[in-house]
Amino acid sequence: MQPSQPSTFELIYNVVKQIPKGTVATYGQVASLAGNKRWARVVGYALHANPDPEHIPCHRVVNREGAVSEVFAFGGGNRQVELLRAEGVKVTDKKVDLEKYRWKRMTMEMLEKE
């Protein structure tokens, strides 16, 4: 019997768990690292359904412009801002400076574009 393959959500959660405190990743970055660059919207669905916010830090995921989610699943956009600031991430006008705070882990495809 073969071991079961992880679900798409499990792949996404595994990536999100790796985002270090004090950094953020974009939905697209998480999607690429989870195995499919077209899963950015699926990342949003997965994070909204996060079964374990204590261990899956979905507050560290922002959009491609660095903006926090207005509909953050666990307390609204202000809660996401609070959690990020508690980790030392500066949030101004509900945006994070991606040049400064973006998690540097990237896929080979991302590296080729730079």
C-alpha atoms as a PDB file:
ATOM      1  CA  MET A   1       0.000   0.000   0.000  1.00  0.00           C
ATOM      2  CA  GLN A   2       1.375   3.410  -1.010  1.00  0.00           C
ATOM      3  CA  PRO A   3       1.402   6.279   1.459  1.00  0.00           C
ATOM      4  CA  SER A   4      -1.248   8.887   0.699  1.00  0.00           C
ATOM      5  CA  GLN A   5      -0.245  12.106  -0.998  1.00  0.00           C
ATOM      6  CA  PRO A   6      -0.718  15.325   0.972  1.00  0.00           C
ATOM      7  CA  SER A   7      -3.739  17.408   0.013  1.00  0.00           C
ATOM      8  CA  THR A   8      -3.315  20.807  -1.596  1.00  0.00           C
ATOM      9  CA  PHE A   9      -4.209  22.481   1.702  1.00  0.00           C
ATOM     10  CA  GLU A  10      -1.625  20.351   3.544  1.00  0.00           C
ATOM     11  CA  LEU A  11       1.055  21.389   1.024  1.00  0.00           C
ATOM     12  CA  ILE A  12       0.115  25.032   1.597  1.00  0.00           C
ATOM     13  CA  TYR A  13       0.093  24.671   5.385  1.00  0.00           C
ATOM     14  CA  ASN A  14       3.531  23.040   5.271  1.00  0.00           C
ATOM     15  CA  VAL A  15       4.930  26.076   3.454  1.00  0.00           C
ATOM     16  CA  VAL A  16       3.213  28.596   5.749  1.00  0.00           C
ATOM     17  CA  LYS A  17       4.604  26.824   8.816  1.00  0.00           C
ATOM     18  CA  GLN A  18       8.110  27.563   7.499  1.00  0.00           C
ATOM     19  CA  ILE A  19       7.680  31.353   7.240  1.00  0.00           C
ATOM     20  CA  PRO A  20       9.932  32.751   9.973  1.00  0.00           C
ATOM     21  CA  LYS A  21       8.723  35.222  12.584  1.00  0.00           C
ATOM     22  CA  GLY A  22       9.339  38.783  11.485  1.00  0.00           C
ATOM     23  CA  THR A  23       8.868  37.986   7.793  1.00  0.00           C
ATOM     24  CA  VAL A  24       5.963  37.640   5.377  1.00  0.00           C
ATOM     25  CA  ALA A  25       5.284  35.771   2.161  1.00  0.00           C
ATOM     26  CA  THR A  26       2.829  36.576  -0.598  1.00  0.00           C
ATOM     27  CA  TYR A  27      -0.020  34.300  -1.611  1.00  0.00           C
ATOM     28  CA  GLY A  28       1.754  33.700  -4.921  1.00  0.00           C
ATOM     29  CA  GLN A  29       5.038  32.877  -3.210  1.00  0.00           C
ATOM     30  CA  VAL A  30       3.316  30.337  -0.967  1.00  0.00           C
ATOM     31  CA  ALA A  31       1.518  28.877  -3.999  1.00  0.00           C
ATOM     32  CA  SER A  32       4.783  28.448  -5.921  1.00  0.00           C
ATOM     33  CA  LEU A  33       6.554  26.874  -2.971  1.00  0.00           C
ATOM     34  CA  ALA A  34       3.591  24.529  -2.442  1.00  0.00           C
ATOM     35  CA  GLY A  35       3.931  23.292  -6.006  1.00  0.00           C
ATOM     36  CA  ASN A  36       1.754  25.380  -8.316  1.00  0.00           C
ATOM     37  CA  LYS A  37       2.180  29.102  -8.981  1.00  0.00           C
ATOM     38  CA  ARG A  38      -1.507  29.291  -9.983  1.00  0.00           C
ATOM     39  CA  TRP A  39      -2.730  28.351  -6.504  1.00  0.00           C
ATOM     40  CA  ALA A  40      -2.610  31.894  -5.051  1.00  0.00           C
ATOM     41  CA  ARG A  41      -6.388  31.996  -4.641  1.00  0.00           C
ATOM     42  CA  VAL A  42      -6.360  28.461  -3.200  1.00  0.00           C
ATOM     43  CA  VAL A  43      -3.819  29.682  -0.631  1.00  0.00           C
ATOM     44  CA  GLY A  44      -6.413  32.240   0.469  1.00  0.00           C
ATOM     45  CA  TYR A  45      -9.063  29.543   0.809  1.00  0.00           C
ATOM     46  CA  ALA A  46      -6.687  27.304   2.759  1.00  0.00           C
ATOM     47  CA  LEU A  47      -5.709  30.077   5.154  1.00  0.00           C
ATOM     48  CA  HIS A  48      -9.334  31.016   5.715  1.00  0.00           C
ATOM     49  CA  ALA A  49      -9.983  27.388   6.695  1.00  0.00           C
ATOM     50  CA  ASN A  50      -6.826  27.174   8.838  1.00  0.00           C
ATOM     51  CA  PRO A  51      -7.490  24.386  11.358  1.00  0.00           C
ATOM     52  CA  ASP A  52      -4.567  25.314  13.637  1.00  0.00           C
ATOM     53  CA  PRO A  53      -3.760  29.064  13.704  1.00  0.00           C
ATOM     54  CA  GLU A  54      -1.424  28.564  16.650  1.00  0.00           C
ATOM     55  CA  HIS A  55       0.914  26.442  14.511  1.00  0.00           C
ATOM     56  CA  ILE A  56       0.050  27.640  10.991  1.00  0.00           C
ATOM     57  CA  PRO A  57       0.884  31.373  11.041  1.00  0.00           C
ATOM     58  CA  CYS A  58      -1.463  32.562   8.321  1.00  0.00           C
ATOM     59  CA  HIS A  59      -1.039  36.148   9.516  1.00  0.00           C
ATOM     60  CA  ARG A  60       2.382  36.086   7.800  1.00  0.00           C
ATOM     61  CA  VAL A  61       0.804  35.896   4.338  1.00  0.00           C
ATOM     62  CA  VAL A  62       0.015  39.141   2.478  1.00  0.00           C
ATOM     63  CA  ASN A  63      -0.977  40.008  -1.064  1.00  0.00           C
ATOM     64  CA  ARG A  64       1.478  40.760  -3.878  1.00  0.00           C
ATOM     65  CA  GLU A  65       1.541  44.436  -2.899  1.00  0.00           C
ATOM     66  CA  GLY A  66       2.249  43.678   0.760  1.00  0.00           C
ATOM     67  CA  ALA A  67      -1.285  44.513   1.899  1.00  0.00           C
ATOM     68  CA  VAL A  68      -2.882  42.664   4.793  1.00  0.00           C
ATOM     69  CA  SER A  69      -6.236  40.986   4.348  1.00  0.00           C
ATOM     70  CA  GLU A  70      -9.332  43.004   5.166  1.00  0.00           C
ATOM     71  CA  VAL A  71     -11.136  39.727   5.865  1.00  0.00           C
ATOM     72  CA  PHE A  72      -8.437  38.042   7.927  1.00  0.00           C
ATOM     73  CA  ALA A  73     -10.175  34.910   9.181  1.00  0.00           C
ATOM     74  CA  PHE A  74      -9.156  35.252  12.815  1.00  0.00           C
ATOM     75  CA  GLY A  75     -10.190  38.745  13.807  1.00  0.00           C
ATOM     76  CA  GLY A  76     -10.156  40.980  10.724  1.00  0.00           C
ATOM     77  CA  GLY A  77      -7.349  43.001   9.145  1.00  0.00           C
ATOM     78  CA  ASN A  78      -6.531  44.780  12.385  1.00  0.00           C
ATOM     79  CA  ARG A  79      -5.777  41.451  14.093  1.00  0.00           C
ATOM     80  CA  GLN A  80      -3.363  40.521  11.308  1.00  0.00           C
ATOM     81  CA  VAL A  81      -1.639  43.892  11.749  1.00  0.00           C
ATOM     82  CA  GLU A  82      -1.404  43.329  15.523  1.00  0.00           C
ATOM     83  CA  LEU A  83       0.144  39.880  15.061  1.00  0.00           C
ATOM     84  CA  LEU A  84       2.671  41.118  12.510  1.00  0.00           C
ATOM     85  CA  ARG A  85       3.663  44.121  14.624  1.00  0.00           C
ATOM     86  CA  ALA A  86       4.114  41.836  17.642  1.00  0.00           C
ATOM     87  CA  GLU A  87       6.737  39.999  15.567  1.00  0.00           C
ATOM     88  CA  GLY A  88       8.554  43.203  14.638  1.00  0.00           C
ATOM     89  CA  VAL A  89       7.062  43.706  11.184  1.00  0.00           C
ATOM     90  CA  LYS A  90       6.293  47.347  10.486  1.00  0.00           C
ATOM     91  CA  VAL A  91       2.847  47.808   8.951  1.00  0.00           C
ATOM     92  CA  THR A  92       2.001  51.220   7.513  1.00  0.00           C
ATOM     93  CA  ASP A  93      -1.422  51.961   6.026  1.00  0.00           C
ATOM     94  CA  LYS A  94      -2.183  48.224   6.209  1.00  0.00           C
ATOM     95  CA  LYS A  95       0.850  47.394   4.049  1.00  0.00           C
ATOM     96  CA  VAL A  96       4.170  45.689   4.678  1.00  0.00           C
ATOM     97  CA  ASP A  97       7.388  46.708   2.907  1.00  0.00           C
ATOM     98  CA  LEU A  98       8.090  43.542   0.910  1.00  0.00           C
ATOM     99  CA  GLU A  99      11.642  44.637   0.122  1.00  0.00           C
ATOM    100  CA  LYS A 100      12.397  44.591   3.830  1.00  0.00           C
ATOM    101  CA  TYR A 101      10.166  41.856   5.269  1.00  0.00           C
ATOM    102  CA  ARG A 102       9.601  39.317   2.470  1.00  0.00           C
ATOM    103  CA  TRP A 103      10.742  35.806   3.302  1.00  0.00           C
ATOM    104  CA  LYS A 104      13.721  35.140   1.069  1.00  0.00           C
ATOM    105  CA  ARG A 105      12.937  31.496   0.298  1.00  0.00           C
ATOM    106  CA  MET A 106      11.988  31.217  -3.350  1.00  0.00           C
ATOM    107  CA  THR A 107      11.500  28.544  -5.966  1.00  0.00           C
ATOM    108  CA  MET A 108      13.946  28.151  -8.842  1.00  0.00           C
ATOM    109  CA  GLU A 109      11.343  29.673 -11.171  1.00  0.00           C
ATOM    110  CA  MET A 110      11.183  32.808  -8.996  1.00  0.00           C
ATOM    111  CA  LEU A 111      14.961  33.080  -8.918  1.00  0.00           C
ATOM    112  CA  GLU A 112      15.153  32.851 -12.727  1.00  0.00           C
ATOM    113  CA  LYS A 113      12.834  35.877 -13.062  1.00  0.00           C
ATOM    114  CA  GLU A 114      15.071  38.099 -10.929  1.00  0.00           C
END
